[in-house]
Amino acid sequence: MKIVIINYGAGNIKSIQFAFKRLGFEALLTNNPEEIKAADRVIFPGVGEASSAMKKLKESGLDRLIPQLKQPVLGICLGMQLMCKSTEEGHTNGLGIFNVDVKRFSNTVKVPQMGWNTISNLKSDLFKHIKANEFMYLVHSFYAEKCQEAIATTTYDVEYASALQKDNFYGVQFHPEKSGKEGEKILKNFLELNTNN
């Protein structure tokens, strides 16, 4: 299976690569459009600030390529947020794959949310064999609002979408690669998604 991690200069991608290695797969880091299109599974990671990450995607033309991909695509953390309509971070327009806006947590809570929190209302094969209220590792100041495309929710300040799905596109706000055995199970589920439906 060909797994590609999109390398656009925004993110700690080595830890994702190591997580796949532990599952027995080599994941290729690349920003080459042909290699991305030829992959069986695409990981769209992201750590950092939304407007500068979006600028990097535009410079490489990946902002046009990613929404056209037909294979399963998994956005992680900022990657998921950039797949949304817009984000308050840097007042940035996203890729518009998910029909939801990304907001900043209010100042009534500690920002960023950093550490372990639970995911519930699980609704996808991405969460096969994952129990509700399982803990995942999160680091973020912005969140996708609860919406129809939510396949998991988490509560911190508000109840928000901690995972999203539309067609072949998936997104998780948490870091599965840093969430122990359960997080690895989610990555394994992503690799095993039935793409014929």
Protein backbone atom coordinates (compact mmCIF):
# COMPACT_ATOMS: atom_id res chain seq x y z
CA MET A 1 0.00 0.00 0.00
CA LYS A 2 1.34 3.43 -0.97
CA ILE A 3 0.95 5.94 1.86
CA VAL A 4 1.92 9.54 1.25
CA ILE A 5 2.33 12.26 3.89
CA ILE A 6 2.02 15.67 2.24
CA ASN A 7 5.19 17.58 3.04
CA TYR A 8 4.46 21.30 2.66
CA GLY A 9 6.65 22.61 5.46
CA ALA A 10 3.98 22.78 8.16
CA GLY A 11 4.22 20.14 10.76
CA ASN A 12 6.00 17.57 12.78
CA ILE A 13 5.66 14.83 10.20
CA LYS A 14 8.35 12.49 11.48
CA SER A 15 6.14 11.27 14.34
CA ILE A 16 3.41 10.34 11.84
CA GLN A 17 5.96 8.50 9.70
CA PHE A 18 7.18 6.57 12.77
CA ALA A 19 3.59 5.67 13.73
CA PHE A 20 3.08 4.01 10.32
CA LYS A 21 6.44 2.29 10.65
CA ARG A 22 5.21 0.75 13.92
CA LEU A 23 2.20 -0.55 11.94
CA GLY A 24 4.59 -2.06 9.37
CA PHE A 25 4.22 0.55 6.59
CA GLU A 26 6.68 2.96 5.00
CA ALA A 27 5.06 6.35 4.40
CA LEU A 28 6.58 8.64 1.79
CA LEU A 29 7.03 12.35 2.59
CA THR A 30 6.45 14.34 -0.59
CA ASN A 31 4.91 17.45 -2.12
CA ASN A 32 5.08 15.99 -5.64
CA PRO A 33 1.54 16.13 -7.14
CA GLU A 34 2.07 12.95 -9.20
CA GLU A 35 3.20 10.95 -6.15
CA ILE A 36 0.30 12.31 -4.10
CA LYS A 37 -2.24 11.41 -6.82
CA ALA A 38 -0.79 7.90 -7.16
CA ALA A 39 -1.01 7.10 -3.42
CA ASP A 40 -3.56 4.68 -1.93
CA ARG A 41 -3.84 6.81 1.21
CA VAL A 42 -2.93 10.45 1.78
CA ILE A 43 -2.12 12.08 5.14
CA PHE A 44 -2.47 15.87 5.31
CA PRO A 45 -0.72 16.92 8.53
CA GLY A 46 -0.22 20.34 10.02
CA VAL A 47 1.21 22.09 13.03
CA GLY A 48 1.61 25.86 13.22
CA GLU A 49 -0.29 28.89 12.03
CA ALA A 50 -3.12 28.62 9.51
CA SER A 51 -2.48 31.61 7.22
CA SER A 52 1.21 30.80 6.67
CA ALA A 53 0.37 27.10 6.11
CA MET A 54 -2.30 28.09 3.56
CA LYS A 55 0.22 30.35 1.82
CA LYS A 56 2.61 27.39 1.47
CA LEU A 57 -0.19 25.24 0.00
CA LYS A 58 -1.02 27.95 -2.55
CA GLU A 59 2.61 28.45 -3.55
CA SER A 60 2.90 24.74 -4.42
CA GLY A 61 -0.57 24.43 -6.02
CA LEU A 62 -1.56 21.87 -3.36
CA ASP A 63 -4.57 24.03 -2.44
CA ARG A 64 -6.07 23.03 -5.81
CA LEU A 65 -4.86 19.43 -5.80
CA ILE A 66 -6.01 18.27 -2.34
CA PRO A 67 -9.79 18.88 -2.81
CA GLN A 68 -9.66 16.87 -6.07
CA LEU A 69 -8.13 13.73 -4.57
CA LYS A 70 -10.24 10.58 -4.89
CA GLN A 71 -8.50 8.22 -2.43
CA PRO A 72 -9.01 8.41 1.36
CA VAL A 73 -7.38 11.56 2.74
CA LEU A 74 -6.82 12.13 6.48
CA GLY A 75 -6.22 15.65 7.76
CA ILE A 76 -4.57 15.83 11.19
CA CYS A 77 -4.77 18.84 13.55
CA LEU A 78 -4.12 21.98 11.46
CA GLY A 79 -4.52 19.79 8.35
CA MET A 80 -8.14 19.13 9.34
CA GLN A 81 -8.74 22.83 10.09
CA LEU A 82 -7.39 23.84 6.66
CA MET A 83 -9.89 21.45 5.06
CA CYS A 84 -12.73 23.56 6.54
CA LYS A 85 -14.38 26.65 5.00
CA SER A 86 -12.47 29.23 6.99
CA THR A 87 -10.57 29.76 10.22
CA GLU A 88 -10.43 32.71 12.57
CA GLU A 89 -6.68 32.13 12.81
CA GLY A 90 -5.22 34.79 10.53
CA HIS A 91 -8.74 35.23 9.04
CA THR A 92 -7.90 32.54 6.52
CA ASN A 93 -10.06 30.87 3.89
CA GLY A 94 -9.60 27.10 3.95
CA LEU A 95 -9.93 24.45 1.23
CA GLY A 96 -13.72 24.29 1.71
CA ILE A 97 -13.91 20.48 1.79
CA PHE A 98 -15.84 20.49 5.08
CA ASN A 99 -18.72 22.93 5.31
CA VAL A 100 -17.77 24.30 8.73
CA ASP A 101 -15.87 27.24 10.19
CA VAL A 102 -13.00 27.09 12.66
CA LYS A 103 -13.26 29.34 15.74
CA ARG A 104 -10.93 30.27 18.58
CA PHE A 105 -11.59 28.98 22.09
CA SER A 106 -12.80 31.73 24.42
CA ASN A 107 -10.56 33.19 27.10
CA THR A 108 -12.61 31.49 29.81
CA VAL A 109 -10.44 28.37 29.35
CA LYS A 110 -6.70 27.78 29.13
CA VAL A 111 -5.62 28.20 25.49
CA PRO A 112 -4.23 26.15 23.83
CA GLN A 113 -6.03 23.04 24.97
CA MET A 114 -3.05 20.80 25.56
CA GLY A 115 -3.12 17.19 26.69
CA TRP A 116 -5.61 14.36 26.83
CA ASN A 117 -9.36 14.67 26.31
CA THR A 118 -12.13 12.26 25.37
CA ILE A 119 -13.85 11.72 22.03
CA SER A 120 -17.52 10.72 21.91
CA ASN A 121 -20.46 10.42 19.45
CA LEU A 122 -18.25 8.25 17.24
CA LYS A 123 -19.79 7.65 13.81
CA SER A 124 -17.44 6.12 11.27
CA ASP A 125 -15.38 3.05 10.39
CA LEU A 126 -12.44 5.27 11.28
CA PHE A 127 -13.40 4.49 14.90
CA LYS A 128 -13.91 0.74 14.50
CA HIS A 129 -13.11 -1.01 17.82
CA ILE A 130 -12.64 2.37 19.56
CA LYS A 131 -14.85 2.88 22.59
CA ALA A 132 -16.72 6.12 23.24
CA ASN A 133 -14.96 8.46 25.68
CA GLU A 134 -11.54 7.11 24.73
CA PHE A 135 -8.74 9.62 25.45
CA MET A 136 -6.81 11.27 22.60
CA TYR A 137 -3.94 13.74 22.67
CA LEU A 138 -4.71 17.32 21.58
CA VAL A 139 -2.82 20.60 21.21
CA HIS A 140 -4.87 23.43 19.68
CA SER A 141 -6.28 26.93 20.20
CA PHE A 142 -8.91 26.72 17.44
CA TYR A 143 -11.72 24.22 16.86
CA ALA A 144 -14.16 23.18 14.13
CA GLU A 145 -17.73 23.87 15.18
CA LYS A 146 -20.10 20.96 15.76
CA CYS A 147 -21.77 20.28 12.41
CA GLN A 148 -23.43 17.62 10.24
CA GLU A 149 -20.06 16.33 9.05
CA ALA A 150 -18.85 15.67 12.62
CA ILE A 151 -17.98 12.00 13.26
CA ALA A 152 -16.66 12.63 16.80
CA THR A 153 -17.06 15.40 19.35
CA THR A 154 -15.02 16.63 22.28
CA THR A 155 -15.92 19.13 24.98
CA TYR A 156 -13.56 21.90 26.01
CA ASP A 157 -15.11 25.33 26.51
CA VAL A 158 -17.79 24.11 24.03
CA GLU A 159 -18.71 20.82 22.40
CA TYR A 160 -16.89 20.84 19.06
CA ALA A 161 -16.16 18.50 16.14
CA SER A 162 -12.98 16.59 16.96
CA ALA A 163 -13.32 14.51 13.77
CA LEU A 164 -15.01 15.21 10.42
CA GLN A 165 -15.88 13.20 7.33
CA LYS A 166 -17.21 14.02 3.89
CA ASP A 167 -16.95 11.44 1.09
CA ASN A 168 -13.30 10.26 0.95
CA PHE A 169 -12.09 13.08 3.21
CA TYR A 170 -11.52 12.57 6.93
CA GLY A 171 -10.12 14.93 9.52
CA VAL A 172 -9.13 14.55 13.17
CA GLN A 173 -8.30 17.41 15.52
CA PHE A 174 -6.32 15.15 17.85
CA HIS A 175 -2.95 13.57 17.09
CA PRO A 176 -3.51 9.83 16.54
CA GLU A 177 0.27 9.37 16.21
CA LYS A 178 0.69 10.66 19.79
CA SER A 179 -2.39 8.95 21.26
CA GLY A 180 -0.90 5.57 22.16
CA LYS A 181 -2.44 2.25 21.12
CA GLU A 182 -5.91 3.68 20.47
CA GLY A 183 -4.50 6.36 18.20
CA GLU A 184 -2.55 3.76 16.27
CA LYS A 185 -5.76 1.76 15.92
CA ILE A 186 -7.35 4.80 14.23
CA LEU A 187 -4.45 5.04 11.76
CA LYS A 188 -4.81 1.30 11.08
CA ASN A 189 -8.57 1.76 10.54
CA PHE A 190 -7.81 4.55 8.07
CA LEU A 191 -5.57 2.20 6.08
CA GLU A 192 -8.29 -0.47 6.12
CA LEU A 193 -11.22 1.75 5.07
CA ASN A 194 -13.37 0.11 2.44
CA THR A 195 -13.04 2.38 -0.56
CA ASN A 196 -15.61 0.59 -2.72
CA ASN A 197 -18.70 2.08 -1.07
